[in-house]
Structure formats: structure tokens, C-alpha cells
Amino acid sequence: MAERRTTPRREFSYYMRVVDDETEQLIGHLADISPRGFRLDCSQSLPLNKDFRLRMDLTSEVADKPFITFTARSKWCKPDSMDPFVYNVGFEIISISMLDGKIFQTIVERFGSPETRW
């Protein structure tokens, strides 16, 4: 499949949980990140083109607040090439507040390693 991403993706070097903001269920852990989206490592496959209201828990070294919330759309899902019990799921951020968007950008810059290709 041809790469359609317009911004480079960075591997994520920090353990960060992402949960469903409505159900409090763990969706996955951040695996890589870009200014417009991210990839999660998940324990189950997720439906494509579904909008999720997500919450990313933060530490004090990232922001003065305990979490950010945003809406993201699942764009692709495939089994992990190394672990048969993990699914890699790509998301595009659809909606985020200005303040939370600035925090998300800080996370990209601070914890994302140099550009990678998936």
C-alpha cells in the first residue's frame, strides 16, 4: 500500500497509556506519534474509520494537568509482525482543544525519536 502520510512519524520512547474517555477501558499504548496522528499497540483489533473519544494520561514532566482528551479516527489495523497477541492501530486526530493540542505537540517533540518509516 502506498504511503499517504504527509507528516513524518516518530517512534515513541515513553510508556503512555491511551484509554477510551467514555468507558475508561484501555485502548492501547502509544508506539509512534506525529503532529496529526499516532499508532497504538492494542490487545485487540479495532474497527476502521471509527471515531474514538480518547484520553491520554500525562505525567508532571509533560504538563500541569493529569490528562488530555481528543477525538481520533482509526485509519488502519493489522496484527503486529512480532507479537501475535498485539494489533497495531493507526489513528488520525480529528478534534483536539487548542491547549491539549499544544500539549500533544510537546509530547511529539519531547518523546518522539527521530523520524521512522512503518
C-alpha atoms as a PDB file:
ATOM      1  CA  MET A   1       0.000   0.000   0.000  1.00  0.00           C
ATOM      2  CA  ALA A   2       1.370   3.438  -0.929  1.00  0.00           C
ATOM      3  CA  GLU A   3       2.317   5.784   1.894  1.00  0.00           C
ATOM      4  CA  ARG A   4      -0.212   8.643   2.151  1.00  0.00           C
ATOM      5  CA  ARG A   5       1.124  10.265   5.306  1.00  0.00           C
ATOM      6  CA  THR A   6       2.227  13.882   4.789  1.00  0.00           C
ATOM      7  CA  THR A   7       3.987  14.381   8.130  1.00  0.00           C
ATOM      8  CA  PRO A   8       6.781  12.149   9.380  1.00  0.00           C
ATOM      9  CA  ARG A   9       6.027   9.657  12.103  1.00  0.00           C
ATOM     10  CA  ARG A  10       8.326   9.228  15.106  1.00  0.00           C
ATOM     11  CA  GLU A  11       8.771   6.176  17.287  1.00  0.00           C
ATOM     12  CA  PHE A  12       7.631   6.842  20.793  1.00  0.00           C
ATOM     13  CA  SER A  13      10.216   6.311  23.509  1.00  0.00           C
ATOM     14  CA  TYR A  14       7.970   6.788  26.544  1.00  0.00           C
ATOM     15  CA  TYR A  15       5.348   4.434  28.018  1.00  0.00           C
ATOM     16  CA  MET A  16       1.972   6.177  27.701  1.00  0.00           C
ATOM     17  CA  ARG A  17      -1.498   4.655  28.077  1.00  0.00           C
ATOM     18  CA  VAL A  18      -4.446   5.721  25.957  1.00  0.00           C
ATOM     19  CA  VAL A  19      -7.940   4.963  27.248  1.00  0.00           C
ATOM     20  CA  ASP A  20     -11.488   5.402  25.988  1.00  0.00           C
ATOM     21  CA  ASP A  21     -12.618   8.588  27.723  1.00  0.00           C
ATOM     22  CA  GLU A  22     -16.206   7.362  27.997  1.00  0.00           C
ATOM     23  CA  THR A  23     -15.709   3.773  29.200  1.00  0.00           C
ATOM     24  CA  GLU A  24     -12.313   4.138  30.930  1.00  0.00           C
ATOM     25  CA  GLN A  25     -11.175   0.977  29.071  1.00  0.00           C
ATOM     26  CA  LEU A  26      -7.557   0.748  27.998  1.00  0.00           C
ATOM     27  CA  ILE A  27      -7.348   1.072  24.211  1.00  0.00           C
ATOM     28  CA  GLY A  28      -3.583   0.682  23.895  1.00  0.00           C
ATOM     29  CA  HIS A  29      -0.119   2.096  24.409  1.00  0.00           C
ATOM     30  CA  LEU A  30       1.482   4.763  22.270  1.00  0.00           C
ATOM     31  CA  ALA A  31       4.008   3.252  19.839  1.00  0.00           C
ATOM     32  CA  ASP A  32       4.703   6.146  17.493  1.00  0.00           C
ATOM     33  CA  ILE A  33       3.466   9.663  17.016  1.00  0.00           C
ATOM     34  CA  SER A  34       3.278  12.562  14.578  1.00  0.00           C
ATOM     35  CA  PRO A  35       1.703  16.014  14.861  1.00  0.00           C
ATOM     36  CA  ARG A  36      -1.506  14.722  13.209  1.00  0.00           C
ATOM     37  CA  GLY A  37      -1.781  11.153  14.461  1.00  0.00           C
ATOM     38  CA  PHE A  38      -0.303   8.166  16.226  1.00  0.00           C
ATOM     39  CA  ARG A  39      -0.074   4.386  16.347  1.00  0.00           C
ATOM     40  CA  LEU A  40      -1.193   2.326  19.309  1.00  0.00           C
ATOM     41  CA  ASP A  41      -0.219  -1.197  20.268  1.00  0.00           C
ATOM     42  CA  CYS A  42      -3.566  -2.764  21.249  1.00  0.00           C
ATOM     43  CA  SER A  43      -4.599  -6.125  22.702  1.00  0.00           C
ATOM     44  CA  GLN A  44      -7.486  -6.443  20.204  1.00  0.00           C
ATOM     45  CA  SER A  45      -8.294  -5.296  16.697  1.00  0.00           C
ATOM     46  CA  LEU A  46     -10.366  -2.142  16.353  1.00  0.00           C
ATOM     47  CA  PRO A  47     -12.927  -1.234  13.679  1.00  0.00           C
ATOM     48  CA  LEU A  48     -11.712   1.018  10.878  1.00  0.00           C
ATOM     49  CA  ASN A  49     -12.951   4.578  10.324  1.00  0.00           C
ATOM     50  CA  LYS A  50     -14.474   4.762  13.777  1.00  0.00           C
ATOM     51  CA  ASP A  51     -14.168   7.924  15.855  1.00  0.00           C
ATOM     52  CA  PHE A  52     -12.979   7.366  19.420  1.00  0.00           C
ATOM     53  CA  ARG A  53     -13.069   9.888  22.266  1.00  0.00           C
ATOM     54  CA  LEU A  54      -9.679   9.185  23.855  1.00  0.00           C
ATOM     55  CA  ARG A  55      -7.810  10.241  26.953  1.00  0.00           C
ATOM     56  CA  MET A  56      -4.056  10.226  27.255  1.00  0.00           C
ATOM     57  CA  ASP A  57      -2.794  10.197  30.828  1.00  0.00           C
ATOM     58  CA  LEU A  58       0.131  12.563  31.435  1.00  0.00           C
ATOM     59  CA  THR A  59       2.919  12.931  33.942  1.00  0.00           C
ATOM     60  CA  SER A  60       4.042  16.171  35.586  1.00  0.00           C
ATOM     61  CA  GLU A  61       7.079  16.302  33.295  1.00  0.00           C
ATOM     62  CA  VAL A  62       4.710  16.687  30.308  1.00  0.00           C
ATOM     63  CA  ALA A  63       2.065  19.115  31.581  1.00  0.00           C
ATOM     64  CA  ASP A  64       0.421  20.696  34.616  1.00  0.00           C
ATOM     65  CA  LYS A  65      -2.741  18.666  34.076  1.00  0.00           C
ATOM     66  CA  PRO A  66      -3.263  14.909  34.520  1.00  0.00           C
ATOM     67  CA  PHE A  67      -4.568  14.115  31.006  1.00  0.00           C
ATOM     68  CA  ILE A  68      -5.591  15.404  27.592  1.00  0.00           C
ATOM     69  CA  THR A  69      -8.700  14.366  25.657  1.00  0.00           C
ATOM     70  CA  PHE A  70      -9.322  14.354  21.932  1.00  0.00           C
ATOM     71  CA  THR A  71     -11.238  12.606  19.168  1.00  0.00           C
ATOM     72  CA  ALA A  72      -9.263  10.329  16.857  1.00  0.00           C
ATOM     73  CA  ARG A  73     -10.344   8.143  13.935  1.00  0.00           C
ATOM     74  CA  SER A  74      -8.967   4.629  13.428  1.00  0.00           C
ATOM     75  CA  LYS A  75      -7.419   4.528   9.941  1.00  0.00           C
ATOM     76  CA  TRP A  76      -5.836   1.071   9.760  1.00  0.00           C
ATOM     77  CA  CYS A  77      -5.375  -2.036  11.898  1.00  0.00           C
ATOM     78  CA  LYS A  78      -3.067  -5.017  11.414  1.00  0.00           C
ATOM     79  CA  PRO A  79      -1.522  -7.755  13.541  1.00  0.00           C
ATOM     80  CA  ASP A  80       1.896  -6.936  14.951  1.00  0.00           C
ATOM     81  CA  SER A  81       4.681  -8.615  12.992  1.00  0.00           C
ATOM     82  CA  MET A  82       6.496  -9.747  16.165  1.00  0.00           C
ATOM     83  CA  ASP A  83       3.747 -10.443  18.699  1.00  0.00           C
ATOM     84  CA  PRO A  84       0.645 -12.390  17.579  1.00  0.00           C
ATOM     85  CA  PHE A  85      -1.327 -11.079  20.583  1.00  0.00           C
ATOM     86  CA  VAL A  86      -0.881  -7.396  19.659  1.00  0.00           C
ATOM     87  CA  TYR A  87      -2.540  -5.267  16.977  1.00  0.00           C
ATOM     88  CA  ASN A  88      -1.028  -2.087  15.577  1.00  0.00           C
ATOM     89  CA  VAL A  89      -3.707   0.548  15.013  1.00  0.00           C
ATOM     90  CA  GLY A  90      -3.143   3.877  13.266  1.00  0.00           C
ATOM     91  CA  PHE A  91      -5.184   6.924  14.262  1.00  0.00           C
ATOM     92  CA  GLU A  92      -5.688  10.389  12.844  1.00  0.00           C
ATOM     93  CA  ILE A  93      -6.564  13.173  15.278  1.00  0.00           C
ATOM     94  CA  ILE A  94      -9.920  14.641  14.275  1.00  0.00           C
ATOM     95  CA  SER A  95     -10.576  17.121  17.085  1.00  0.00           C
ATOM     96  CA  ILE A  96      -8.481  18.462  19.961  1.00  0.00           C
ATOM     97  CA  SER A  97      -8.690  21.671  22.002  1.00  0.00           C
ATOM     98  CA  MET A  98      -6.028  24.316  21.439  1.00  0.00           C
ATOM     99  CA  LEU A  99      -4.459  23.742  24.882  1.00  0.00           C
ATOM    100  CA  ASP A 100      -4.457  19.950  24.567  1.00  0.00           C
ATOM    101  CA  GLY A 101      -3.098  20.299  21.026  1.00  0.00           C
ATOM    102  CA  LYS A 102      -0.129  22.263  22.362  1.00  0.00           C
ATOM    103  CA  ILE A 103       0.490  19.565  24.966  1.00  0.00           C
ATOM    104  CA  PHE A 104       0.253  16.881  22.259  1.00  0.00           C
ATOM    105  CA  GLN A 105       2.821  18.787  20.174  1.00  0.00           C
ATOM    106  CA  THR A 106       5.112  18.959  23.211  1.00  0.00           C
ATOM    107  CA  ILE A 107       4.802  15.179  23.563  1.00  0.00           C
ATOM    108  CA  VAL A 108       5.715  14.727  19.874  1.00  0.00           C
ATOM    109  CA  GLU A 109       8.783  16.945  20.194  1.00  0.00           C
ATOM    110  CA  ARG A 110       9.947  15.736  23.581  1.00  0.00           C
ATOM    111  CA  PHE A 111       9.391  11.981  23.463  1.00  0.00           C
ATOM    112  CA  GLY A 112       9.223  11.091  19.792  1.00  0.00           C
ATOM    113  CA  SER A 113      12.507   9.739  18.486  1.00  0.00           C
ATOM    114  CA  PRO A 114      13.781  10.833  15.061  1.00  0.00           C
ATOM    115  CA  GLU A 115      11.624  10.074  12.012  1.00  0.00           C
ATOM    116  CA  THR A 116      10.844   6.413  11.243  1.00  0.00           C
ATOM    117  CA  ARG A 117       9.055   4.578   8.461  1.00  0.00           C
ATOM    118  CA  TRP A 118       6.426   1.933   9.165  1.00  0.00           C
END
